[in-house]
Amino acid sequence: MSYGYTTRLVRLNKEADKTNLGVKLGRLCIRKEVPVVQVSLELGVSRMAVYNWFSGSSEPSDRMTGAITKLIAEYRQR
C-alpha cells in the first residue's frame, strides 16, 4: 500500500537541481505516482537512497546511471 509523497519531499524535489538524474527520476515518479519502494526494488537500492536522490541531498553513483536512465524511459511510457 502506497501512501503517496509528502509535501516536504515534493517541495525539496522542486527546489533541487534539475540536472541531477535522481531529481529527474523523482519528478517523474511524483508525477506518475510511482512508489519509492517500487523504485528501490527495481534498482536494488535502499528506500533511503531513493528519497535522498529525489530530494537532491545526494546523487546516484555513476554505476546507477544506466539503470536509472532506463527506468526513466520505462516510466515515461506508462
N, C-alpha and C. Protein backbone atom coordinates (compact mmCIF):
# COMPACT_ATOMS: atom_id res chain seq x y z
N MET A 1 0.84 -1.17 0.00
CA MET A 1 0.00 0.00 0.00
C MET A 1 0.89 1.24 0.00
N SER A 2 0.62 2.13 -0.90
CA SER A 2 1.41 3.35 -1.02
C SER A 2 0.65 4.51 -0.39
N TYR A 3 1.39 5.35 0.32
CA TYR A 3 0.77 6.50 0.98
C TYR A 3 1.01 7.80 0.23
N GLY A 4 1.66 7.74 -0.90
CA GLY A 4 1.94 8.94 -1.66
C GLY A 4 3.15 9.67 -1.14
N TYR A 5 3.41 10.81 -1.71
CA TYR A 5 4.58 11.61 -1.36
C TYR A 5 4.21 12.73 -0.41
N THR A 6 5.11 13.01 0.52
CA THR A 6 4.87 14.10 1.46
C THR A 6 5.05 15.44 0.76
N THR A 7 4.40 16.45 1.28
CA THR A 7 4.57 17.79 0.71
C THR A 7 6.01 18.25 0.86
N ARG A 8 6.68 17.81 1.90
CA ARG A 8 8.08 18.18 2.11
C ARG A 8 8.95 17.62 1.00
N LEU A 9 8.78 16.35 0.67
CA LEU A 9 9.59 15.75 -0.39
C LEU A 9 9.29 16.40 -1.73
N VAL A 10 8.04 16.68 -2.01
CA VAL A 10 7.66 17.33 -3.26
C VAL A 10 8.33 18.71 -3.34
N ARG A 11 8.31 19.45 -2.24
CA ARG A 11 8.94 20.78 -2.20
C ARG A 11 10.44 20.68 -2.41
N LEU A 12 11.09 19.75 -1.70
CA LEU A 12 12.54 19.58 -1.85
C LEU A 12 12.90 19.20 -3.28
N ASN A 13 12.10 18.35 -3.88
CA ASN A 13 12.35 17.93 -5.26
C ASN A 13 12.23 19.12 -6.21
N LYS A 14 11.23 19.95 -6.00
CA LYS A 14 11.05 21.13 -6.87
C LYS A 14 12.19 22.13 -6.72
N GLU A 15 12.75 22.21 -5.52
CA GLU A 15 13.83 23.17 -5.25
C GLU A 15 15.21 22.63 -5.65
N ALA A 16 15.30 21.34 -5.91
CA ALA A 16 16.59 20.69 -6.18
C ALA A 16 17.06 20.97 -7.61
N ASP A 17 18.32 20.68 -7.85
CA ASP A 17 18.97 20.87 -9.15
C ASP A 17 18.32 20.00 -10.21
N LYS A 18 17.74 20.62 -11.21
CA LYS A 18 17.00 19.91 -12.26
C LYS A 18 17.88 19.03 -13.13
N THR A 19 19.19 19.26 -13.10
CA THR A 19 20.09 18.46 -13.93
C THR A 19 20.50 17.15 -13.25
N ASN A 20 20.23 17.02 -11.97
CA ASN A 20 20.57 15.83 -11.21
C ASN A 20 19.66 14.67 -11.65
N LEU A 21 20.26 13.55 -12.03
CA LEU A 21 19.49 12.40 -12.52
C LEU A 21 18.50 11.87 -11.49
N GLY A 22 18.89 11.85 -10.21
CA GLY A 22 17.98 11.40 -9.16
C GLY A 22 16.79 12.31 -8.99
N VAL A 23 17.01 13.60 -9.15
CA VAL A 23 15.92 14.58 -9.06
C VAL A 23 14.98 14.41 -10.25
N LYS A 24 15.54 14.18 -11.44
CA LYS A 24 14.71 13.93 -12.62
C LYS A 24 13.83 12.71 -12.41
N LEU A 25 14.43 11.65 -11.89
CA LEU A 25 13.66 10.44 -11.60
C LEU A 25 12.57 10.74 -10.59
N GLY A 26 12.91 11.51 -9.57
CA GLY A 26 11.93 11.88 -8.55
C GLY A 26 10.75 12.64 -9.11
N ARG A 27 11.02 13.60 -9.97
CA ARG A 27 9.93 14.39 -10.56
C ARG A 27 8.98 13.51 -11.36
N LEU A 28 9.56 12.59 -12.10
CA LEU A 28 8.75 11.68 -12.89
C LEU A 28 7.92 10.76 -11.99
N CYS A 29 8.55 10.22 -10.96
CA CYS A 29 7.84 9.30 -10.05
C CYS A 29 6.74 10.02 -9.28
N ILE A 30 7.00 11.25 -8.87
CA ILE A 30 5.97 12.02 -8.17
C ILE A 30 4.79 12.26 -9.11
N ARG A 31 5.09 12.67 -10.34
CA ARG A 31 4.03 12.95 -11.31
C ARG A 31 3.22 11.70 -11.67
N LYS A 32 3.92 10.57 -11.82
CA LYS A 32 3.27 9.31 -12.23
C LYS A 32 2.80 8.49 -11.03
N GLU A 33 3.08 8.98 -9.80
CA GLU A 33 2.70 8.30 -8.56
C GLU A 33 3.31 6.90 -8.45
N VAL A 34 4.59 6.81 -8.80
CA VAL A 34 5.33 5.56 -8.66
C VAL A 34 5.90 5.53 -7.24
N PRO A 35 5.57 4.53 -6.44
CA PRO A 35 6.04 4.47 -5.05
C PRO A 35 7.56 4.32 -4.94
N VAL A 36 8.13 4.93 -3.93
CA VAL A 36 9.57 4.83 -3.66
C VAL A 36 9.98 3.37 -3.49
N VAL A 37 9.17 2.58 -2.84
CA VAL A 37 9.52 1.18 -2.63
C VAL A 37 9.66 0.44 -3.96
N GLN A 38 8.83 0.78 -4.92
CA GLN A 38 8.92 0.15 -6.24
C GLN A 38 10.24 0.53 -6.92
N VAL A 39 10.60 1.80 -6.85
CA VAL A 39 11.86 2.26 -7.44
C VAL A 39 13.03 1.56 -6.77
N SER A 40 13.01 1.50 -5.44
CA SER A 40 14.12 0.88 -4.72
C SER A 40 14.27 -0.60 -5.06
N LEU A 41 13.15 -1.29 -5.20
CA LEU A 41 13.20 -2.71 -5.56
C LEU A 41 13.71 -2.91 -6.99
N GLU A 42 13.24 -2.07 -7.91
CA GLU A 42 13.66 -2.20 -9.30
C GLU A 42 15.13 -1.88 -9.50
N LEU A 43 15.66 -0.96 -8.69
CA LEU A 43 17.06 -0.58 -8.83
C LEU A 43 17.99 -1.31 -7.87
N GLY A 44 17.42 -2.03 -6.90
CA GLY A 44 18.24 -2.77 -5.94
C GLY A 44 18.98 -1.88 -4.97
N VAL A 45 18.33 -0.78 -4.57
CA VAL A 45 18.92 0.14 -3.60
C VAL A 45 17.93 0.34 -2.46
N SER A 46 18.38 1.00 -1.41
CA SER A 46 17.50 1.24 -0.27
C SER A 46 16.49 2.35 -0.58
N ARG A 47 15.40 2.33 0.15
CA ARG A 47 14.41 3.41 0.01
C ARG A 47 15.02 4.75 0.41
N MET A 48 15.90 4.73 1.41
CA MET A 48 16.54 5.97 1.85
C MET A 48 17.39 6.56 0.73
N ALA A 49 18.08 5.72 -0.02
CA ALA A 49 18.86 6.22 -1.17
C ALA A 49 17.94 6.91 -2.17
N VAL A 50 16.80 6.30 -2.44
CA VAL A 50 15.85 6.87 -3.40
C VAL A 50 15.33 8.22 -2.88
N TYR A 51 14.95 8.28 -1.60
CA TYR A 51 14.49 9.54 -1.02
C TYR A 51 15.57 10.62 -1.13
N ASN A 52 16.82 10.24 -0.85
CA ASN A 52 17.92 11.20 -0.94
C ASN A 52 18.13 11.69 -2.37
N TRP A 53 18.00 10.81 -3.33
CA TRP A 53 18.10 11.21 -4.74
C TRP A 53 16.97 12.17 -5.10
N PHE A 54 15.74 11.79 -4.74
CA PHE A 54 14.57 12.59 -5.09
C PHE A 54 14.67 14.01 -4.51
N SER A 55 15.19 14.12 -3.30
CA SER A 55 15.27 15.42 -2.63
C SER A 55 16.49 16.22 -3.07
N GLY A 56 17.41 15.57 -3.77
CA GLY A 56 18.62 16.24 -4.21
C GLY A 56 19.72 16.30 -3.16
N SER A 57 19.52 15.61 -2.04
CA SER A 57 20.54 15.64 -0.99
C SER A 57 21.74 14.74 -1.31
N SER A 58 21.56 13.83 -2.26
CA SER A 58 22.69 13.04 -2.77
C SER A 58 22.41 12.70 -4.23
N GLU A 59 23.48 12.36 -4.93
CA GLU A 59 23.36 11.99 -6.34
C GLU A 59 23.60 10.49 -6.48
N PRO A 60 22.94 9.86 -7.44
CA PRO A 60 23.20 8.44 -7.69
C PRO A 60 24.65 8.24 -8.13
N SER A 61 25.20 7.10 -7.78
CA SER A 61 26.57 6.79 -8.20
C SER A 61 26.61 6.59 -9.71
N ASP A 62 27.79 6.69 -10.26
CA ASP A 62 27.97 6.50 -11.70
C ASP A 62 27.49 5.13 -12.16
N ARG A 63 27.63 4.12 -11.32
CA ARG A 63 27.22 2.78 -11.72
C ARG A 63 25.70 2.63 -11.85
N MET A 64 24.96 3.58 -11.28
CA MET A 64 23.50 3.54 -11.34
C MET A 64 22.93 4.32 -12.53
N THR A 65 23.76 5.09 -13.21
CA THR A 65 23.28 5.97 -14.28
C THR A 65 22.51 5.22 -15.36
N GLY A 66 23.06 4.13 -15.85
CA GLY A 66 22.40 3.37 -16.91
C GLY A 66 21.06 2.83 -16.48
N ALA A 67 21.01 2.25 -15.28
CA ALA A 67 19.76 1.67 -14.78
C ALA A 67 18.70 2.74 -14.55
N ILE A 68 19.11 3.88 -14.04
CA ILE A 68 18.15 4.97 -13.78
C ILE A 68 17.64 5.54 -15.11
N THR A 69 18.53 5.73 -16.06
CA THR A 69 18.13 6.24 -17.37
C THR A 69 17.12 5.30 -18.03
N LYS A 70 17.37 4.02 -17.92
CA LYS A 70 16.46 3.01 -18.48
C LYS A 70 15.10 3.05 -17.76
N LEU A 71 15.14 3.19 -16.43
CA LEU A 71 13.91 3.23 -15.66
C LEU A 71 13.10 4.48 -15.99
N ILE A 72 13.77 5.61 -16.17
CA ILE A 72 13.08 6.85 -16.55
C ILE A 72 12.36 6.65 -17.88
N ALA A 73 13.04 6.06 -18.85
CA ALA A 73 12.42 5.81 -20.15
C ALA A 73 11.20 4.89 -20.01
N GLU A 74 11.33 3.88 -19.17
CA GLU A 74 10.22 2.94 -18.96
C GLU A 74 9.03 3.64 -18.29
N TYR A 75 9.29 4.45 -17.27
CA TYR A 75 8.21 5.13 -16.57
C TYR A 75 7.52 6.16 -17.46
N ARG A 76 8.27 6.78 -18.36
CA ARG A 76 7.67 7.77 -19.28
C ARG A 76 6.66 7.11 -20.21
N GLN A 77 6.84 5.83 -20.49
CA GLN A 77 5.94 5.10 -21.37
C GLN A 77 4.62 4.76 -20.69
N ARG A 78 4.60 4.79 -19.38
CA ARG A 78 3.39 4.41 -18.63
C ARG A 78 2.36 5.49 -18.64
